[in-house]
Protein backbone atom coordinates (compact mmCIF):
# COMPACT_ATOMS: atom_id res chain seq x y z
CA UNK A 1 12.29 3.54 -5.06
CA UNK A 2 12.23 6.22 -7.78
CA UNK A 3 15.51 4.95 -9.19
CA UNK A 4 14.37 1.32 -9.28
CA UNK A 5 11.07 2.24 -10.93
CA UNK A 6 12.86 4.30 -13.57
CA UNK A 7 14.70 1.15 -14.67
CA UNK A 8 11.85 -1.33 -14.98
CA UNK A 9 8.11 -1.96 -15.06
CA UNK A 10 8.49 -5.43 -13.51
CA UNK A 11 6.22 -6.31 -10.57
CA UNK A 12 7.44 -4.56 -7.45
CA UNK A 13 6.69 -5.56 -3.83
CA UNK A 14 6.77 -2.69 -1.36
CA UNK A 15 6.92 -3.79 2.29
CA UNK A 16 6.94 -1.55 5.33
CA UNK A 17 3.69 0.36 4.89
CA UNK A 18 1.34 0.63 7.85
CA UNK A 19 2.60 -0.94 11.07
CA UNK A 20 6.23 -0.39 10.07
CA UNK A 21 5.66 3.31 9.42
CA UNK A 22 6.19 3.51 5.66
CA UNK A 23 4.56 6.43 3.85
CA UNK A 24 1.61 5.15 1.81
CA UNK A 25 0.96 8.45 0.02
CA UNK A 26 4.58 8.85 -1.08
CA UNK A 27 4.74 5.20 -2.15
CA UNK A 28 1.62 5.51 -4.31
CA UNK A 29 2.81 8.79 -5.83
CA UNK A 30 6.18 7.34 -6.81
CA UNK A 31 4.55 4.26 -8.32
CA UNK A 32 1.50 5.90 -9.92
CA UNK A 33 2.79 5.26 -13.43
CA UNK A 34 3.39 1.60 -12.53
CA UNK A 35 0.42 1.01 -10.23
CA UNK A 36 -0.67 -2.16 -12.07
CA UNK A 37 2.64 -3.83 -11.24
CA UNK A 38 2.93 -2.50 -7.68
CA UNK A 39 2.03 -4.61 -4.65
CA UNK A 40 1.89 -2.65 -1.41
CA UNK A 41 2.22 -4.88 1.65
CA UNK A 42 0.20 -3.74 4.67
CA UNK A 43 -0.46 -7.21 6.11
CA UNK A 44 0.51 -6.49 9.73
CA UNK A 45 -1.73 -3.43 9.86
CA UNK A 46 -4.62 -5.49 8.55
CA UNK A 47 -4.09 -8.75 10.44
CA UNK A 48 -3.59 -7.03 13.78
CA UNK A 49 -6.36 -4.44 13.32
CA UNK A 50 -8.27 -3.28 16.41
CA UNK A 51 -10.10 -6.30 17.83
CA UNK A 52 -8.59 -8.82 15.39
CA UNK A 53 -12.07 -9.97 14.46
CA UNK A 54 -13.21 -10.36 10.85
CA UNK A 55 -14.98 -6.98 10.78
CA UNK A 56 -11.91 -5.12 12.06
CA UNK A 57 -9.68 -6.88 9.56
CA UNK A 58 -12.11 -6.16 6.70
CA UNK A 59 -12.40 -2.49 7.70
CA UNK A 60 -8.63 -2.05 7.93
CA UNK A 61 -8.14 -3.56 4.46
CA UNK A 62 -10.93 -1.41 3.05
CA UNK A 63 -9.42 1.73 4.60
CA UNK A 64 -5.99 1.09 3.06
CA UNK A 65 -7.60 0.36 -0.31
CA UNK A 66 -9.60 3.59 -0.18
CA UNK A 67 -6.52 5.59 0.79
CA UNK A 68 -4.56 4.16 -2.15
CA UNK A 69 -7.39 4.97 -4.57
CA UNK A 70 -7.55 8.52 -3.23
CA UNK A 71 -3.82 9.02 -3.74
CA UNK A 72 -4.02 7.58 -7.28
CA UNK A 73 -6.72 10.08 -8.23
CA UNK A 74 -4.54 13.09 -7.42
């Protein structure tokens, strides 16, 4: 990922975070300089959250968003 990002600032989709075990903190740190063109996919972790009701889905999305913000601030 570091090598690809060093070559371009084009939009970059990063799958595999969340349910697939990808490292969100490492992903955000590598892409910090390009965060506006980075799309982190955590759809399975959000869609299949806890009870699969709207509150669980909302809370899962909010948690990932808060984690990404926290990592960006470091």
